[in-house]
Amino acid sequence: MDFDAYARTAVDLVNSPLADLDDLKALFHGEHLWMLDEVAERDVPVFRRAAKRLRDVFEYGTTGRDGDAVTELNTLLEAYPVQPRISGHDANDWHMHVTSRGASVSSEYLAGAVWGLSVWLCEYGSSRFGVCADARCGNVYLDTSSNCCRRFCSERCATRSHVAAHRARKRAAEETSLLPVS
């Protein structure tokens, strides 16, 4: 099982706007393509609630509240239990999935997302859960840096934030130089 891929599905879910069914369908790629045909409007509120709870897990992790992150993940694991199954298309392609094929779209996707994030927490700790430091963004990410120093969800947000800080410092310096000397 690729636990990192499952954990990334949690990130994708939390960062999705989920305004409508089209936003929800945009989550389904790779192993989840079959879900496009089965997902329905009734699934949108289920995914929204789960995304909110998973965002809480990231918030807990970034503020050092490991116990709260674990409690929330355990509650989500109960709501979306893992029911492993072997899947594949031929004898050389066997791999594991987290739920039975008869599970609903929400059960299958969310069981994987919660399981992946739970394994990530056990493996790396909740300090590796991040919320973008750019106040205009708010996306979550998994910190894969070697020294746990990542602060932004992407290079774009990091650059935008650093440029804004540079411009603010420059503006402040210019304003200071215009003050009358007493």
N, C-alpha and C. Protein backbone atom coordinates (compact mmCIF):
# COMPACT_ATOMS: atom_id res chain seq x y z
N MET A 1 0.85 -1.19 0.00
CA MET A 1 0.00 0.00 0.00
C MET A 1 0.88 1.24 0.00
N ASP A 2 0.50 2.21 -0.76
CA ASP A 2 1.23 3.47 -0.81
C ASP A 2 0.55 4.44 0.17
N PHE A 3 1.01 4.38 1.43
CA PHE A 3 0.39 5.21 2.47
C PHE A 3 0.55 6.70 2.18
N ASP A 4 1.67 7.08 1.58
CA ASP A 4 1.87 8.49 1.25
C ASP A 4 0.81 8.96 0.25
N ALA A 5 0.50 8.11 -0.72
CA ALA A 5 -0.53 8.49 -1.71
C ALA A 5 -1.88 8.64 -1.02
N TYR A 6 -2.19 7.74 -0.10
CA TYR A 6 -3.44 7.88 0.65
C TYR A 6 -3.44 9.15 1.49
N ALA A 7 -2.32 9.47 2.12
CA ALA A 7 -2.23 10.70 2.91
C ALA A 7 -2.41 11.92 2.02
N ARG A 8 -1.86 11.86 0.81
CA ARG A 8 -2.02 13.00 -0.12
C ARG A 8 -3.48 13.17 -0.54
N THR A 9 -4.28 12.09 -0.52
CA THR A 9 -5.70 12.26 -0.84
C THR A 9 -6.38 13.10 0.23
N ALA A 10 -5.91 12.99 1.48
CA ALA A 10 -6.45 13.84 2.55
C ALA A 10 -6.10 15.30 2.28
N VAL A 11 -4.88 15.55 1.87
CA VAL A 11 -4.45 16.92 1.54
C VAL A 11 -5.30 17.47 0.39
N ASP A 12 -5.46 16.66 -0.66
CA ASP A 12 -6.26 17.08 -1.81
C ASP A 12 -7.68 17.43 -1.39
N LEU A 13 -8.25 16.60 -0.52
CA LEU A 13 -9.62 16.83 -0.06
C LEU A 13 -9.72 18.13 0.72
N VAL A 14 -8.84 18.34 1.67
CA VAL A 14 -8.90 19.55 2.50
C VAL A 14 -8.70 20.80 1.65
N ASN A 15 -7.85 20.72 0.63
CA ASN A 15 -7.56 21.89 -0.20
C ASN A 15 -8.58 22.12 -1.32
N SER A 16 -9.52 21.22 -1.47
CA SER A 16 -10.53 21.37 -2.51
C SER A 16 -11.63 22.32 -2.04
N PRO A 17 -12.14 23.17 -2.95
CA PRO A 17 -13.21 24.09 -2.54
C PRO A 17 -14.53 23.38 -2.23
N LEU A 18 -14.80 22.25 -2.88
CA LEU A 18 -16.02 21.46 -2.67
C LEU A 18 -17.30 22.30 -2.73
N ALA A 19 -17.32 23.26 -3.63
CA ALA A 19 -18.52 24.09 -3.79
C ALA A 19 -19.66 23.32 -4.45
N ASP A 20 -19.30 22.32 -5.26
CA ASP A 20 -20.33 21.57 -5.98
C ASP A 20 -19.79 20.21 -6.40
N LEU A 21 -20.60 19.47 -7.12
CA LEU A 21 -20.24 18.13 -7.56
C LEU A 21 -19.01 18.15 -8.47
N ASP A 22 -18.86 19.17 -9.31
CA ASP A 22 -17.69 19.26 -10.18
C ASP A 22 -16.40 19.37 -9.37
N ASP A 23 -16.42 20.15 -8.29
CA ASP A 23 -15.25 20.24 -7.42
C ASP A 23 -14.92 18.89 -6.81
N LEU A 24 -15.94 18.17 -6.41
CA LEU A 24 -15.73 16.84 -5.83
C LEU A 24 -15.15 15.89 -6.87
N LYS A 25 -15.68 15.92 -8.07
CA LYS A 25 -15.19 15.03 -9.14
C LYS A 25 -13.72 15.32 -9.48
N ALA A 26 -13.30 16.56 -9.28
CA ALA A 26 -11.91 16.92 -9.58
C ALA A 26 -10.92 16.19 -8.67
N LEU A 27 -11.39 15.65 -7.55
CA LEU A 27 -10.52 14.90 -6.64
C LEU A 27 -10.15 13.52 -7.18
N PHE A 28 -10.95 13.00 -8.07
CA PHE A 28 -10.81 11.60 -8.47
C PHE A 28 -9.89 11.45 -9.68
N HIS A 29 -8.71 10.93 -9.42
CA HIS A 29 -7.73 10.65 -10.47
C HIS A 29 -6.95 9.41 -10.06
N GLY A 30 -6.17 8.87 -10.94
CA GLY A 30 -5.38 7.68 -10.63
C GLY A 30 -6.27 6.51 -10.24
N GLU A 31 -6.02 5.96 -9.06
CA GLU A 31 -6.78 4.81 -8.55
C GLU A 31 -8.26 5.12 -8.35
N HIS A 32 -8.61 6.39 -8.27
CA HIS A 32 -9.98 6.78 -7.95
C HIS A 32 -10.84 7.11 -9.18
N LEU A 33 -10.34 6.89 -10.38
CA LEU A 33 -11.10 7.25 -11.58
C LEU A 33 -12.47 6.60 -11.65
N TRP A 34 -12.59 5.37 -11.16
CA TRP A 34 -13.87 4.67 -11.21
C TRP A 34 -14.95 5.43 -10.43
N MET A 35 -14.55 6.26 -9.49
CA MET A 35 -15.51 6.99 -8.66
C MET A 35 -16.27 8.06 -9.45
N LEU A 36 -15.71 8.52 -10.54
CA LEU A 36 -16.37 9.56 -11.33
C LEU A 36 -17.78 9.15 -11.74
N ASP A 37 -17.95 7.89 -12.09
CA ASP A 37 -19.26 7.41 -12.53
C ASP A 37 -20.23 7.18 -11.38
N GLU A 38 -19.71 7.03 -10.17
CA GLU A 38 -20.56 6.67 -9.04
C GLU A 38 -20.85 7.80 -8.06
N VAL A 39 -20.06 8.86 -8.09
CA VAL A 39 -20.24 9.96 -7.16
C VAL A 39 -21.51 10.74 -7.53
N ALA A 40 -22.19 11.23 -6.50
CA ALA A 40 -23.45 11.96 -6.72
C ALA A 40 -23.49 13.20 -5.84
N GLU A 41 -24.44 14.05 -6.11
CA GLU A 41 -24.62 15.30 -5.36
C GLU A 41 -24.72 15.04 -3.85
N ARG A 42 -25.34 13.93 -3.48
CA ARG A 42 -25.52 13.61 -2.05
C ARG A 42 -24.18 13.37 -1.34
N ASP A 43 -23.11 13.10 -2.11
CA ASP A 43 -21.79 12.86 -1.52
C ASP A 43 -21.09 14.16 -1.14
N VAL A 44 -21.47 15.28 -1.75
CA VAL A 44 -20.77 16.55 -1.51
C VAL A 44 -20.78 16.93 -0.03
N PRO A 45 -21.94 16.93 0.67
CA PRO A 45 -21.90 17.31 2.09
C PRO A 45 -21.09 16.34 2.95
N VAL A 46 -21.06 15.07 2.59
CA VAL A 46 -20.26 14.09 3.35
C VAL A 46 -18.78 14.45 3.24
N PHE A 47 -18.34 14.75 2.03
CA PHE A 47 -16.95 15.13 1.82
C PHE A 47 -16.62 16.47 2.48
N ARG A 48 -17.55 17.41 2.46
CA ARG A 48 -17.32 18.70 3.12
C ARG A 48 -17.09 18.53 4.62
N ARG A 49 -17.95 17.72 5.26
CA ARG A 49 -17.80 17.48 6.70
C ARG A 49 -16.46 16.81 7.01
N ALA A 50 -16.12 15.82 6.20
CA ALA A 50 -14.85 15.12 6.42
C ALA A 50 -13.67 16.06 6.19
N ALA A 51 -13.75 16.91 5.18
CA ALA A 51 -12.67 17.86 4.90
C ALA A 51 -12.48 18.81 6.07
N LYS A 52 -13.56 19.25 6.67
CA LYS A 52 -13.48 20.16 7.82
C LYS A 52 -12.78 19.47 8.99
N ARG A 53 -13.13 18.22 9.22
CA ARG A 53 -12.52 17.47 10.32
C ARG A 53 -11.04 17.18 10.04
N LEU A 54 -10.72 16.88 8.80
CA LEU A 54 -9.32 16.65 8.45
C LEU A 54 -8.51 17.94 8.54
N ARG A 55 -9.12 19.07 8.19
CA ARG A 55 -8.44 20.36 8.37
C ARG A 55 -8.11 20.56 9.85
N ASP A 56 -9.05 20.18 10.72
CA ASP A 56 -8.80 20.28 12.17
C ASP A 56 -7.56 19.48 12.55
N VAL A 57 -7.39 18.30 11.96
CA VAL A 57 -6.22 17.47 12.25
C VAL A 57 -4.95 18.23 11.89
N PHE A 58 -4.94 18.87 10.72
CA PHE A 58 -3.77 19.65 10.32
C PHE A 58 -3.53 20.82 11.26
N GLU A 59 -4.61 21.50 11.65
CA GLU A 59 -4.48 22.62 12.59
C GLU A 59 -3.91 22.13 13.92
N TYR A 60 -4.41 21.01 14.42
CA TYR A 60 -3.89 20.45 15.67
C TYR A 60 -2.40 20.14 15.55
N GLY A 61 -2.03 19.53 14.42
CA GLY A 61 -0.62 19.17 14.22
C GLY A 61 0.29 20.37 14.18
N THR A 62 -0.14 21.44 13.51
CA THR A 62 0.73 22.61 13.39
C THR A 62 0.81 23.41 14.68
N THR A 63 -0.10 23.18 15.60
CA THR A 63 -0.05 23.90 16.88
C THR A 63 0.42 23.01 18.03
N GLY A 64 0.98 21.84 17.68
CA GLY A 64 1.54 20.96 18.69
C GLY A 64 0.52 20.22 19.54
N ARG A 65 -0.70 20.13 19.07
CA ARG A 65 -1.76 19.45 19.82
C ARG A 65 -1.92 18.01 19.31
N ASP A 66 -0.87 17.22 19.51
CA ASP A 66 -0.85 15.84 19.02
C ASP A 66 -2.02 15.02 19.54
N GLY A 67 -2.32 15.15 20.82
CA GLY A 67 -3.41 14.37 21.41
C GLY A 67 -4.73 14.65 20.72
N ASP A 68 -4.99 15.91 20.40
CA ASP A 68 -6.23 16.26 19.70
C ASP A 68 -6.23 15.70 18.28
N ALA A 69 -5.07 15.75 17.61
CA ALA A 69 -4.97 15.19 16.25
C ALA A 69 -5.26 13.69 16.28
N VAL A 70 -4.68 13.00 17.25
CA VAL A 70 -4.89 11.55 17.37
C VAL A 70 -6.35 11.25 17.69
N THR A 71 -6.94 11.99 18.60
CA THR A 71 -8.35 11.77 18.95
C THR A 71 -9.24 11.94 17.73
N GLU A 72 -9.01 13.00 16.97
CA GLU A 72 -9.83 13.24 15.78
C GLU A 72 -9.62 12.15 14.74
N LEU A 73 -8.38 11.75 14.52
CA LEU A 73 -8.12 10.68 13.55
C LEU A 73 -8.75 9.36 14.00
N ASN A 74 -8.68 9.05 15.29
CA ASN A 74 -9.33 7.83 15.77
C ASN A 74 -10.84 7.87 15.56
N THR A 75 -11.44 9.02 15.79
CA THR A 75 -12.88 9.17 15.55
C THR A 75 -13.20 8.98 14.07
N LEU A 76 -12.36 9.55 13.21
CA LEU A 76 -12.56 9.40 11.76
C LEU A 76 -12.32 7.95 11.31
N LEU A 77 -11.36 7.28 11.94
CA LEU A 77 -11.13 5.87 11.61
C LEU A 77 -12.34 5.01 11.96
N GLU A 78 -13.03 5.37 13.02
CA GLU A 78 -14.26 4.65 13.37
C GLU A 78 -15.38 4.94 12.36
N ALA A 79 -15.45 6.19 11.92
CA ALA A 79 -16.50 6.58 10.96
C ALA A 79 -16.23 5.99 9.58
N TYR A 80 -14.96 5.87 9.21
CA TYR A 80 -14.57 5.36 7.89
C TYR A 80 -13.58 4.22 8.07
N PRO A 81 -14.08 3.06 8.51
CA PRO A 81 -13.17 1.95 8.84
C PRO A 81 -12.47 1.37 7.61
N VAL A 82 -11.28 0.89 7.85
CA VAL A 82 -10.49 0.25 6.81
C VAL A 82 -10.92 -1.21 6.73
N GLN A 83 -11.26 -1.64 5.53
CA GLN A 83 -11.61 -3.03 5.26
C GLN A 83 -10.75 -3.47 4.07
N PRO A 84 -9.51 -3.89 4.33
CA PRO A 84 -8.57 -4.15 3.24
C PRO A 84 -9.03 -5.23 2.27
N ARG A 85 -8.61 -5.05 1.02
CA ARG A 85 -8.88 -6.06 0.00
C ARG A 85 -7.72 -6.05 -0.99
N ILE A 86 -7.52 -7.20 -1.59
CA ILE A 86 -6.50 -7.33 -2.63
C ILE A 86 -7.19 -7.05 -3.96
N SER A 87 -6.54 -6.28 -4.79
CA SER A 87 -7.10 -5.93 -6.08
C SER A 87 -6.01 -6.06 -7.13
N GLY A 88 -6.42 -6.18 -8.37
CA GLY A 88 -5.46 -6.23 -9.47
C GLY A 88 -6.12 -6.69 -10.75
N HIS A 89 -5.39 -6.54 -11.84
CA HIS A 89 -5.93 -6.89 -13.14
C HIS A 89 -5.31 -8.16 -13.70
N ASP A 90 -4.15 -8.52 -13.20
CA ASP A 90 -3.53 -9.79 -13.56
C ASP A 90 -2.60 -10.21 -12.42
N ALA A 91 -1.99 -11.35 -12.55
CA ALA A 91 -1.18 -11.91 -11.46
C ALA A 91 0.04 -11.05 -11.11
N ASN A 92 0.44 -10.13 -11.97
CA ASN A 92 1.60 -9.28 -11.70
C ASN A 92 1.23 -7.92 -11.14
N ASP A 93 -0.07 -7.68 -10.94
CA ASP A 93 -0.54 -6.35 -10.55
C ASP A 93 -1.28 -6.35 -9.21
N TRP A 94 -1.07 -7.36 -8.37
CA TRP A 94 -1.80 -7.41 -7.11
C TRP A 94 -1.35 -6.27 -6.20
N HIS A 95 -2.32 -5.61 -5.58
CA HIS A 95 -2.04 -4.54 -4.64
C HIS A 95 -3.21 -4.41 -3.67
N MET A 96 -2.99 -3.67 -2.60
CA MET A 96 -3.99 -3.54 -1.55
C MET A 96 -4.81 -2.27 -1.72
N HIS A 97 -6.08 -2.37 -1.39
CA HIS A 97 -6.98 -1.22 -1.27
C HIS A 97 -7.52 -1.22 0.15
N VAL A 98 -8.04 -0.08 0.59
CA VAL A 98 -8.44 0.03 1.98
C VAL A 98 -9.88 -0.37 2.27
N THR A 99 -10.72 -0.51 1.24
CA THR A 99 -12.11 -0.90 1.48
C THR A 99 -12.58 -1.85 0.39
N SER A 100 -13.70 -2.49 0.67
CA SER A 100 -14.25 -3.42 -0.32
C SER A 100 -14.79 -2.65 -1.51
N ARG A 101 -14.82 -3.26 -2.66
CA ARG A 101 -15.26 -2.60 -3.90
C ARG A 101 -16.72 -2.19 -3.83
N GLY A 102 -17.50 -2.80 -2.98
CA GLY A 102 -18.91 -2.44 -2.86
C GLY A 102 -19.16 -1.23 -1.98
N ALA A 103 -18.10 -0.67 -1.40
CA ALA A 103 -18.26 0.48 -0.51
C ALA A 103 -18.70 1.70 -1.31
N SER A 104 -19.33 2.64 -0.63
CA SER A 104 -19.73 3.88 -1.29
C SER A 104 -18.48 4.69 -1.64
N VAL A 105 -18.65 5.64 -2.54
CA VAL A 105 -17.55 6.50 -2.94
C VAL A 105 -16.96 7.19 -1.71
N SER A 106 -17.81 7.73 -0.87
CA SER A 106 -17.30 8.44 0.31
C SER A 106 -16.57 7.48 1.25
N SER A 107 -17.11 6.29 1.46
CA SER A 107 -16.45 5.33 2.34
C SER A 107 -15.08 4.94 1.83
N GLU A 108 -14.99 4.66 0.54
CA GLU A 108 -13.71 4.23 -0.02
C GLU A 108 -12.68 5.36 0.01
N TYR A 109 -13.05 6.51 -0.48
CA TYR A 109 -12.11 7.63 -0.55
C TYR A 109 -11.69 8.07 0.85
N LEU A 110 -12.66 8.26 1.73
CA LEU A 110 -12.36 8.79 3.06
C LEU A 110 -11.63 7.78 3.93
N ALA A 111 -11.93 6.49 3.80
CA ALA A 111 -11.17 5.48 4.55
C ALA A 111 -9.70 5.55 4.17
N GLY A 112 -9.42 5.69 2.88
CA GLY A 112 -8.03 5.80 2.43
C GLY A 112 -7.37 7.07 2.92
N ALA A 113 -8.07 8.18 2.83
CA ALA A 113 -7.50 9.46 3.27
C ALA A 113 -7.20 9.44 4.76
N VAL A 114 -8.14 8.97 5.55
CA VAL A 114 -7.95 8.94 7.01
C VAL A 114 -6.86 7.94 7.38
N TRP A 115 -6.87 6.76 6.75
CA TRP A 115 -5.85 5.75 7.03
C TRP A 115 -4.46 6.29 6.68
N GLY A 116 -4.33 6.89 5.50
CA GLY A 116 -3.04 7.43 5.09
C GLY A 116 -2.53 8.50 6.03
N LEU A 117 -3.41 9.40 6.44
CA LEU A 117 -3.01 10.46 7.35
C LEU A 117 -2.65 9.89 8.73
N SER A 118 -3.36 8.86 9.15
CA SER A 118 -3.06 8.21 10.44
C SER A 118 -1.70 7.54 10.41
N VAL A 119 -1.41 6.84 9.33
CA VAL A 119 -0.10 6.19 9.19
C VAL A 119 0.99 7.26 9.14
N TRP A 120 0.74 8.35 8.43
CA TRP A 120 1.70 9.46 8.34
C TRP A 120 2.00 10.00 9.74
N LEU A 121 0.96 10.20 10.54
CA LEU A 121 1.15 10.71 11.91
C LEU A 121 2.01 9.73 12.72
N CYS A 122 1.71 8.45 12.63
CA CYS A 122 2.48 7.45 13.40
C CYS A 122 3.93 7.37 12.92
N GLU A 123 4.13 7.54 11.64
CA GLU A 123 5.47 7.43 11.05
C GLU A 123 6.32 8.68 11.28
N TYR A 124 5.74 9.85 11.10
CA TYR A 124 6.52 11.09 11.10
C TYR A 124 6.14 12.08 12.20
N GLY A 125 4.99 11.90 12.83
CA GLY A 125 4.52 12.84 13.85
C GLY A 125 3.66 13.93 13.25
N SER A 126 2.81 14.50 14.07
CA SER A 126 1.89 15.51 13.56
C SER A 126 2.58 16.84 13.26
N SER A 127 3.83 17.00 13.69
CA SER A 127 4.55 18.23 13.35
C SER A 127 4.82 18.31 11.85
N ARG A 128 4.65 17.21 11.15
CA ARG A 128 4.81 17.18 9.70
C ARG A 128 3.53 17.57 8.96
N PHE A 129 2.46 17.86 9.70
CA PHE A 129 1.23 18.38 9.10
C PHE A 129 1.39 19.90 9.05
N GLY A 130 1.13 20.50 7.91
CA GLY A 130 1.32 21.94 7.81
C GLY A 130 0.11 22.67 7.26
N VAL A 131 -0.01 23.92 7.66
CA VAL A 131 -0.98 24.86 7.09
C VAL A 131 -0.15 26.01 6.53
N CYS A 132 -0.40 26.36 5.29
CA CYS A 132 0.40 27.37 4.60
C CYS A 132 0.50 28.66 5.42
N ALA A 133 1.73 29.18 5.54
CA ALA A 133 1.98 30.40 6.31
C ALA A 133 1.53 31.65 5.58
N ASP A 134 1.20 31.54 4.30
CA ASP A 134 0.68 32.70 3.57
C ASP A 134 -0.78 32.87 3.96
N ALA A 135 -1.08 33.96 4.66
CA ALA A 135 -2.43 34.20 5.18
C ALA A 135 -3.49 34.22 4.08
N ARG A 136 -3.09 34.50 2.85
CA ARG A 136 -4.05 34.53 1.74
C ARG A 136 -4.36 33.14 1.22
N CYS A 137 -3.65 32.14 1.66
CA CYS A 137 -3.81 30.79 1.11
C CYS A 137 -4.61 29.87 2.04
N GLY A 138 -3.97 29.36 3.07
CA GLY A 138 -4.64 28.46 4.00
C GLY A 138 -4.65 26.99 3.60
N ASN A 139 -4.01 26.63 2.47
CA ASN A 139 -3.95 25.22 2.08
C ASN A 139 -3.12 24.43 3.09
N VAL A 140 -3.38 23.14 3.16
CA VAL A 140 -2.61 22.25 4.03
C VAL A 140 -1.61 21.48 3.18
N TYR A 141 -0.60 20.91 3.84
CA TYR A 141 0.41 20.13 3.15
C TYR A 141 1.04 19.14 4.13
N LEU A 142 1.77 18.19 3.59
CA LEU A 142 2.57 17.27 4.39
C LEU A 142 4.02 17.69 4.22
N ASP A 143 4.69 17.97 5.32
CA ASP A 143 6.06 18.47 5.28
C ASP A 143 7.01 17.30 5.05
N THR A 144 7.58 17.25 3.86
CA THR A 144 8.53 16.18 3.52
C THR A 144 9.97 16.68 3.53
N SER A 145 10.18 17.89 4.05
CA SER A 145 11.54 18.44 4.08
C SER A 145 12.41 17.62 5.05
N SER A 146 13.71 17.68 4.83
CA SER A 146 14.61 16.86 5.65
C SER A 146 14.68 17.32 7.10
N ASN A 147 14.42 18.60 7.36
CA ASN A 147 14.54 19.10 8.73
C ASN A 147 13.24 19.70 9.28
N CYS A 148 12.12 19.32 8.70
CA CYS A 148 10.81 19.74 9.19
C CYS A 148 10.71 21.27 9.28
N CYS A 149 11.12 21.95 8.19
CA CYS A 149 11.14 23.41 8.23
C CYS A 149 10.20 24.07 7.21
N ARG A 150 9.45 23.28 6.50
CA ARG A 150 8.56 23.83 5.48
C ARG A 150 7.49 24.70 6.12
N ARG A 151 7.17 25.84 5.50
CA ARG A 151 6.16 26.75 6.04
C ARG A 151 5.04 27.06 5.04
N PHE A 152 5.27 26.72 3.78
CA PHE A 152 4.31 27.07 2.73
C PHE A 152 3.89 25.82 1.97
N CYS A 153 2.69 25.87 1.41
CA CYS A 153 2.16 24.71 0.67
C CYS A 153 2.83 24.55 -0.68
N SER A 154 3.40 25.64 -1.22
CA SER A 154 4.00 25.58 -2.56
C SER A 154 5.06 26.66 -2.69
N GLU A 155 5.88 26.52 -3.72
CA GLU A 155 6.88 27.55 -4.03
C GLU A 155 6.18 28.87 -4.38
N ARG A 156 5.04 28.78 -5.03
CA ARG A 156 4.30 29.98 -5.42
C ARG A 156 3.92 30.80 -4.18
N CYS A 157 3.36 30.13 -3.17
CA CYS A 157 2.98 30.84 -1.94
C CYS A 157 4.20 31.38 -1.21
N ALA A 158 5.28 30.61 -1.18
CA ALA A 158 6.50 31.07 -0.52
C ALA A 158 7.03 32.32 -1.21
N THR A 159 7.10 32.30 -2.53
CA THR A 159 7.60 33.45 -3.28
C THR A 159 6.69 34.65 -3.08
N ARG A 160 5.39 34.45 -3.20
CA ARG A 160 4.44 35.55 -3.03
C ARG A 160 4.57 36.18 -1.65
N SER A 161 4.71 35.36 -0.63
CA SER A 161 4.83 35.86 0.74
C SER A 161 6.15 36.61 0.94
N HIS A 162 7.23 36.06 0.42
CA HIS A 162 8.53 36.71 0.57
C HIS A 162 8.59 38.03 -0.20
N VAL A 163 8.01 38.07 -1.38
CA VAL A 163 7.97 39.31 -2.16
C VAL A 163 7.14 40.36 -1.41
N ALA A 164 6.00 39.96 -0.86
CA ALA A 164 5.16 40.91 -0.10
C ALA A 164 5.91 41.44 1.12
N ALA A 165 6.64 40.58 1.82
CA ALA A 165 7.41 41.01 2.99
C ALA A 165 8.53 41.97 2.58
N HIS A 166 9.19 41.65 1.47
CA HIS A 166 10.25 42.53 0.96
C HIS A 166 9.69 43.91 0.61
N ARG A 167 8.57 43.93 -0.08
CA ARG A 167 7.96 45.21 -0.46
C ARG A 167 7.52 46.00 0.77
N ALA A 168 7.02 45.32 1.77
CA ALA A 168 6.60 46.00 3.01
C ALA A 168 7.81 46.61 3.72
N ARG A 169 8.92 45.87 3.77
CA ARG A 169 10.14 46.40 4.40
C ARG A 169 10.66 47.61 3.62
N LYS A 170 10.63 47.50 2.30
CA LYS A 170 11.10 48.60 1.44
C LYS A 170 10.23 49.84 1.64
N ARG A 171 8.92 49.65 1.68
CA ARG A 171 7.98 50.75 1.90
C ARG A 171 8.23 51.40 3.26
N ALA A 172 8.42 50.59 4.29
CA ALA A 172 8.67 51.11 5.64
C ALA A 172 9.97 51.90 5.68
N ALA A 173 11.00 51.42 4.99
CA ALA A 173 12.29 52.12 4.96
C ALA A 173 12.15 53.45 4.23
N GLU A 174 11.38 53.47 3.14
CA GLU A 174 11.17 54.72 2.40
C GLU A 174 10.39 55.73 3.25
N GLU A 175 9.40 55.25 3.97
CA GLU A 175 8.61 56.15 4.84
C GLU A 175 9.46 56.71 5.96
N THR A 176 10.35 55.89 6.49
CA THR A 176 11.24 56.33 7.57
C THR A 176 12.20 57.40 7.05
N SER A 177 12.69 57.23 5.82
CA SER A 177 13.64 58.19 5.27
C SER A 177 12.96 59.54 4.94
N LEU A 178 11.65 59.57 4.80
CA LEU A 178 10.92 60.80 4.52
C LEU A 178 10.53 61.57 5.77
N LEU A 179 10.71 60.99 6.92
CA LEU A 179 10.38 61.68 8.17
C LEU A 179 11.33 62.83 8.41
N PRO A 180 10.81 63.97 8.90
CA PRO A 180 11.69 65.12 9.19
C PRO A 180 12.66 64.79 10.33
N VAL A 181 13.86 65.28 10.21
CA VAL A 181 14.88 65.07 11.23
C VAL A 181 14.71 66.18 12.27
N SER A 182 14.68 65.81 13.55
CA SER A 182 14.51 66.84 14.58
C SER A 182 15.76 67.09 15.36
